[in-house]
Amino acid sequence: MLGGGDDDPLLSLLAGLLPDHDATIEVLTTATRRQPARTAAAYAHAWHQLGYRHVRHLQVDENHPADDPATLMRLRRATLVFMSGGDQERLTDFLLDTEFLSILKHKYESEDTFIIAGTSAGASAVAEFMLVYGHGWRSLKKGSIEVKPGLGLLPGVLLDQHFAERGRYPRLMHAVLDQPTLLGIGLSEETGLIVRPGVPAEVFGDEVVVVVDAAQTTHNNLPDLAHDKIISGHRLHVHLLVAGQRLDLASREVMEC
């Protein structure tokens, strides 16, 4: 999962993880509201440059139901599903409570060679919850952020993207103080996480992954705070992780390279 920006680091990484050049790659453009076909074509070209021939545009949107039989058949056969960026709420609007999502989760949990990848909005949506609203320092006022359910592939995780570049530290801290059972993860651009079931997630890329853990805070004024007032929290755990470092999403333990 990539925090946005240049996709080349993610595509090169995925090329190294795929079993061979006959892998079936489906580019899911649900999050991309404008010119999704053009986006899919650009990714297909990039994959062709890397030597992968079987790349198709998987459309799920207003005119293409997620549970269309042909779409489900293609999903079952996919080696990689790559989710483009855009608006993460479109992914949940069209995929939640569908057979498509059930199949996607089953493949992720049970097929060793299957890969789900996403950039920007496509990365945010894979977690149990995602941030969809909150700007700058104003995000430290109660009621100034919005968190919504994601696709649920990463239980107990809240993901955000374009993190350092867009100054999203305040809104992630607010979100985990509001829901301390969630582990907050912010992905900077050209940087992300490799997540495999049952093993620690690993950071890749040139920038930083920010982890905010509010499970052991000694003070949190949010429950009794009036709307639009500044939040306060003590002893949040914050980790800055770089390439090669790992994070156990279940135990929240950070590991060195």
Protein backbone atom coordinates (compact mmCIF):
# COMPACT_ATOMS: atom_id res chain seq x y z
CA MET A 1 0.00 0.00 0.00
CA LEU A 2 1.45 3.32 -1.12
CA GLY A 3 0.77 6.77 0.33
CA GLY A 4 0.45 8.38 -3.10
CA GLY A 5 2.78 10.30 -5.37
CA ASP A 6 5.00 8.51 -7.89
CA ASP A 7 3.81 4.93 -8.36
CA ASP A 8 7.10 3.59 -9.74
CA PRO A 9 8.45 2.32 -6.38
CA LEU A 10 5.27 0.35 -5.76
CA LEU A 11 5.04 -1.11 -9.27
CA SER A 12 8.70 -2.19 -9.17
CA LEU A 13 8.15 -3.78 -5.77
CA LEU A 14 5.04 -5.61 -6.94
CA ALA A 15 6.86 -6.87 -10.03
CA GLY A 16 9.34 -8.55 -7.70
CA LEU A 17 6.55 -10.18 -5.69
CA LEU A 18 4.51 -11.57 -8.58
CA PRO A 19 5.17 -15.24 -9.38
CA ASP A 20 5.92 -14.72 -13.11
CA HIS A 21 5.16 -12.54 -16.13
CA ASP A 22 1.99 -14.52 -16.86
CA ALA A 23 0.33 -13.10 -13.73
CA THR A 24 -3.17 -11.73 -14.25
CA ILE A 25 -3.34 -8.08 -13.17
CA GLU A 26 -6.66 -6.27 -12.69
CA VAL A 27 -6.59 -2.47 -12.33
CA LEU A 28 -9.58 -1.46 -10.20
CA THR A 29 -10.42 2.22 -10.87
CA THR A 30 -13.47 2.58 -8.61
CA ALA A 31 -11.88 5.43 -6.63
CA THR A 32 -11.02 7.34 -9.80
CA ARG A 33 -13.99 9.53 -10.65
CA ARG A 34 -12.54 11.30 -13.70
CA GLN A 35 -11.30 9.42 -16.75
CA PRO A 36 -10.94 5.98 -15.14
CA ALA A 37 -10.28 4.37 -18.54
CA ARG A 38 -7.34 6.72 -19.10
CA THR A 39 -5.98 5.86 -15.65
CA ALA A 40 -6.31 2.14 -16.32
CA ALA A 41 -4.58 2.52 -19.69
CA ALA A 42 -1.66 4.37 -18.07
CA TYR A 43 -1.20 1.58 -15.53
CA ALA A 44 -1.50 -1.06 -18.23
CA HIS A 45 1.26 0.68 -20.18
CA ALA A 46 3.48 0.77 -17.07
CA TRP A 47 2.91 -2.94 -16.45
CA HIS A 48 3.60 -3.75 -20.10
CA GLN A 49 6.90 -1.89 -19.78
CA LEU A 50 7.75 -4.21 -16.89
CA GLY A 51 7.00 -7.25 -19.03
CA TYR A 52 3.49 -8.15 -17.82
CA ARG A 53 1.06 -8.86 -20.64
CA HIS A 54 -2.17 -9.81 -18.89
CA VAL A 55 -3.40 -6.45 -17.56
CA ARG A 56 -7.08 -5.50 -17.66
CA HIS A 57 -9.32 -2.68 -16.49
CA LEU A 58 -11.69 -3.97 -13.77
CA GLN A 59 -14.63 -1.55 -13.65
CA VAL A 60 -16.85 -1.27 -10.58
CA ASP A 61 -18.82 1.96 -10.49
CA GLU A 62 -22.24 3.49 -11.17
CA ASN A 63 -22.59 1.57 -14.41
CA HIS A 64 -20.73 -1.62 -13.53
CA PRO A 65 -22.06 -3.53 -10.48
CA ALA A 66 -19.49 -5.19 -8.24
CA ASP A 67 -21.40 -8.47 -8.25
CA ASP A 68 -21.75 -8.80 -12.00
CA PRO A 69 -20.95 -12.50 -12.72
CA ALA A 70 -18.26 -11.66 -15.29
CA THR A 71 -16.60 -9.26 -12.84
CA LEU A 72 -16.61 -11.87 -10.07
CA MET A 73 -15.11 -14.45 -12.42
CA ARG A 74 -12.28 -12.10 -13.31
CA LEU A 75 -11.69 -11.33 -9.64
CA ARG A 76 -11.44 -15.04 -8.78
CA ARG A 77 -8.78 -15.48 -11.48
CA ALA A 78 -6.72 -12.40 -10.58
CA THR A 79 -3.16 -12.66 -9.29
CA LEU A 80 -3.02 -8.95 -8.42
CA VAL A 81 -5.76 -6.38 -7.86
CA PHE A 82 -4.36 -2.86 -8.04
CA MET A 83 -6.61 -0.07 -6.71
CA SER A 84 -5.99 3.38 -8.15
CA GLY A 85 -6.23 6.66 -6.27
CA GLY A 86 -8.99 9.24 -6.13
CA ASP A 87 -11.85 9.21 -3.62
CA GLN A 88 -11.69 6.36 -1.09
CA GLU A 89 -15.39 6.72 -0.26
CA ARG A 90 -16.23 5.51 -3.75
CA LEU A 91 -14.51 2.22 -2.95
CA THR A 92 -16.62 1.66 0.13
CA ASP A 93 -19.78 2.97 -1.53
CA PHE A 94 -19.54 0.37 -4.30
CA LEU A 95 -17.82 -2.56 -2.53
CA LEU A 96 -19.12 -2.82 1.03
CA ASP A 97 -21.63 -5.65 1.58
CA THR A 98 -20.91 -7.25 -1.81
CA GLU A 99 -19.87 -10.72 -2.87
CA PHE A 100 -16.96 -8.99 -4.62
CA LEU A 101 -15.56 -7.87 -1.27
CA SER A 102 -16.11 -11.31 0.28
CA ILE A 103 -14.13 -12.92 -2.53
CA LEU A 104 -11.41 -10.27 -2.25
CA LYS A 105 -11.01 -10.90 1.49
CA HIS A 106 -10.99 -14.67 1.02
CA LYS A 107 -8.27 -14.47 -1.63
CA TYR A 108 -6.19 -12.13 0.54
CA GLU A 109 -6.48 -14.41 3.58
CA SER A 110 -6.09 -17.79 1.88
CA GLU A 111 -4.13 -17.49 -1.39
CA ASP A 112 -0.38 -17.19 -0.84
CA THR A 113 0.32 -15.77 -4.29
CA PHE A 114 -2.55 -13.26 -4.39
CA ILE A 115 -1.73 -9.56 -3.92
CA ILE A 116 -3.93 -6.55 -3.19
CA ALA A 117 -2.20 -3.23 -3.80
CA GLY A 118 -3.34 0.36 -3.78
CA THR A 119 -2.09 3.90 -3.95
CA SER A 120 -3.46 6.97 -2.15
CA ALA A 121 -7.23 6.41 -1.77
CA GLY A 122 -6.72 2.81 -2.84
CA ALA A 123 -4.41 2.33 0.14
CA SER A 124 -6.61 4.09 2.72
CA ALA A 125 -9.63 1.96 1.90
CA VAL A 126 -8.08 -1.43 2.74
CA ALA A 127 -8.06 -0.78 6.50
CA GLU A 128 -10.94 -1.24 8.92
CA PHE A 129 -11.38 2.55 9.06
CA MET A 130 -10.22 5.47 6.92
CA LEU A 131 -9.96 9.22 7.36
CA VAL A 132 -12.03 11.16 4.84
CA TYR A 133 -11.98 14.71 6.23
CA GLY A 134 -9.82 17.01 8.37
CA HIS A 135 -7.54 19.95 7.50
CA GLY A 136 -4.39 21.24 9.22
CA TRP A 137 -4.36 22.49 12.82
CA ARG A 138 -8.15 22.75 12.75
CA SER A 139 -8.19 18.96 12.90
CA LEU A 140 -7.34 19.31 16.60
CA LYS A 141 -10.81 20.71 17.29
CA LYS A 142 -13.50 18.24 18.32
CA GLY A 143 -15.83 17.45 15.45
CA SER A 144 -13.38 18.63 12.78
CA ILE A 145 -12.51 15.23 11.31
CA GLU A 146 -14.51 12.42 9.76
CA VAL A 147 -13.69 8.72 9.97
CA LYS A 148 -15.59 6.08 8.01
CA PRO A 149 -15.46 2.30 7.74
CA GLY A 150 -13.03 0.97 5.15
CA LEU A 151 -13.01 -2.37 3.37
CA GLY A 152 -11.84 -4.14 6.52
CA LEU A 153 -8.88 -6.13 5.21
CA LEU A 154 -6.70 -4.77 8.04
CA PRO A 155 -8.71 -5.12 11.29
CA GLY A 156 -7.97 -2.62 14.03
CA VAL A 157 -6.13 -0.25 11.66
CA LEU A 158 -6.94 3.30 10.57
CA LEU A 159 -5.03 4.41 7.45
CA ASP A 160 -4.29 7.86 6.04
CA GLN A 161 -2.24 8.85 2.97
CA HIS A 162 -0.31 11.79 1.45
CA PHE A 163 0.52 12.07 5.11
CA ALA A 164 3.60 14.24 5.68
CA GLU A 165 3.12 16.21 2.47
CA ARG A 166 -0.37 17.41 3.42
CA GLY A 167 0.22 17.96 7.13
CA ARG A 168 -2.15 15.25 8.31
CA TYR A 169 -0.56 14.55 11.71
CA PRO A 170 -3.30 16.41 13.66
CA ARG A 171 -6.20 14.54 12.12
CA LEU A 172 -4.61 11.12 12.70
CA MET A 173 -3.90 11.96 16.35
CA HIS A 174 -7.49 13.19 16.75
CA ALA A 175 -8.84 10.01 15.15
CA VAL A 176 -6.99 7.59 17.43
CA LEU A 177 -7.82 9.61 20.54
CA ASP A 178 -11.43 9.30 19.49
CA GLN A 179 -11.05 5.54 18.91
CA PRO A 180 -8.04 4.34 20.95
CA THR A 181 -8.61 0.71 19.94
CA LEU A 182 -7.50 1.63 16.42
CA LEU A 183 -3.84 1.83 15.40
CA GLY A 184 -3.30 4.96 13.30
CA ILE A 185 -0.97 4.69 10.32
CA GLY A 186 -0.01 7.57 8.04
CA LEU A 187 1.67 6.78 4.71
CA SER A 188 3.82 9.49 3.15
CA GLU A 189 4.13 9.75 -0.62
CA GLU A 190 6.40 7.27 -2.44
CA THR A 191 6.30 5.25 0.79
CA GLY A 192 4.14 2.44 2.04
CA LEU A 193 3.67 -0.92 3.70
CA ILE A 194 3.88 -4.50 2.52
CA VAL A 195 1.25 -6.39 4.50
CA ARG A 196 1.01 -10.19 4.54
CA PRO A 197 -1.43 -12.14 6.75
CA GLY A 198 0.21 -13.40 9.92
CA VAL A 199 3.56 -11.59 9.58
CA PRO A 200 4.71 -8.05 10.49
CA ALA A 201 4.14 -5.32 7.91
CA GLU A 202 7.30 -3.95 6.29
CA VAL A 203 7.98 -0.35 5.24
CA PHE A 204 9.28 0.46 1.74
CA GLY A 205 10.05 3.69 -0.09
CA ASP A 206 12.02 6.90 0.46
CA GLU A 207 9.99 8.72 3.10
CA VAL A 208 8.36 7.82 6.42
CA VAL A 209 5.42 5.84 7.74
CA VAL A 210 3.97 7.43 10.88
CA VAL A 211 2.33 5.22 13.50
CA VAL A 212 0.17 6.74 16.26
CA ASP A 213 -0.96 4.52 19.13
CA ALA A 214 -3.33 5.95 21.76
CA ALA A 215 -4.04 2.68 23.59
CA GLN A 216 -2.01 3.68 26.66
CA THR A 217 -2.80 7.37 26.99
CA THR A 218 -3.04 8.70 30.55
CA HIS A 219 -5.27 11.65 29.64
CA ASN A 220 -7.84 12.14 26.88
CA ASN A 221 -10.36 14.99 27.10
CA LEU A 222 -12.36 14.05 24.00
CA PRO A 223 -15.22 12.18 25.72
CA ASP A 224 -16.32 15.25 27.70
CA LEU A 225 -15.17 17.97 25.32
CA ALA A 226 -17.59 20.44 23.74
CA HIS A 227 -17.80 20.67 19.96
CA ASP A 228 -15.12 22.85 18.31
CA LYS A 229 -12.88 22.89 21.42
CA ILE A 230 -9.20 21.87 21.27
CA ILE A 231 -8.43 18.25 22.12
CA SER A 232 -5.80 17.08 24.60
CA GLY A 233 -4.08 13.71 24.98
CA HIS A 234 -1.09 12.59 27.03
CA ARG A 235 1.42 9.84 26.29
CA LEU A 236 0.45 8.91 22.79
CA HIS A 237 3.06 6.61 21.28
CA VAL A 238 4.37 7.88 17.95
CA HIS A 239 6.75 5.92 15.71
CA LEU A 240 8.51 7.09 12.56
CA LEU A 241 9.33 4.07 10.42
CA VAL A 242 11.57 3.96 7.35
CA ALA A 243 12.34 1.39 4.67
CA GLY A 244 13.06 -2.08 6.03
CA GLN A 245 11.57 -1.48 9.47
CA ARG A 246 8.58 -3.59 10.47
CA LEU A 247 5.38 -3.23 12.46
CA ASP A 248 3.30 -6.02 13.96
CA LEU A 249 -0.24 -4.78 13.38
CA ALA A 250 -1.71 -7.11 16.03
CA SER A 251 0.74 -6.49 18.91
CA ARG A 252 1.66 -2.93 17.75
CA GLU A 253 5.32 -3.81 18.28
CA VAL A 254 7.90 -2.02 16.15
CA MET A 255 10.87 -4.06 14.91
CA GLU A 256 14.23 -2.95 13.57
CA CYS A 257 15.62 -3.87 10.15
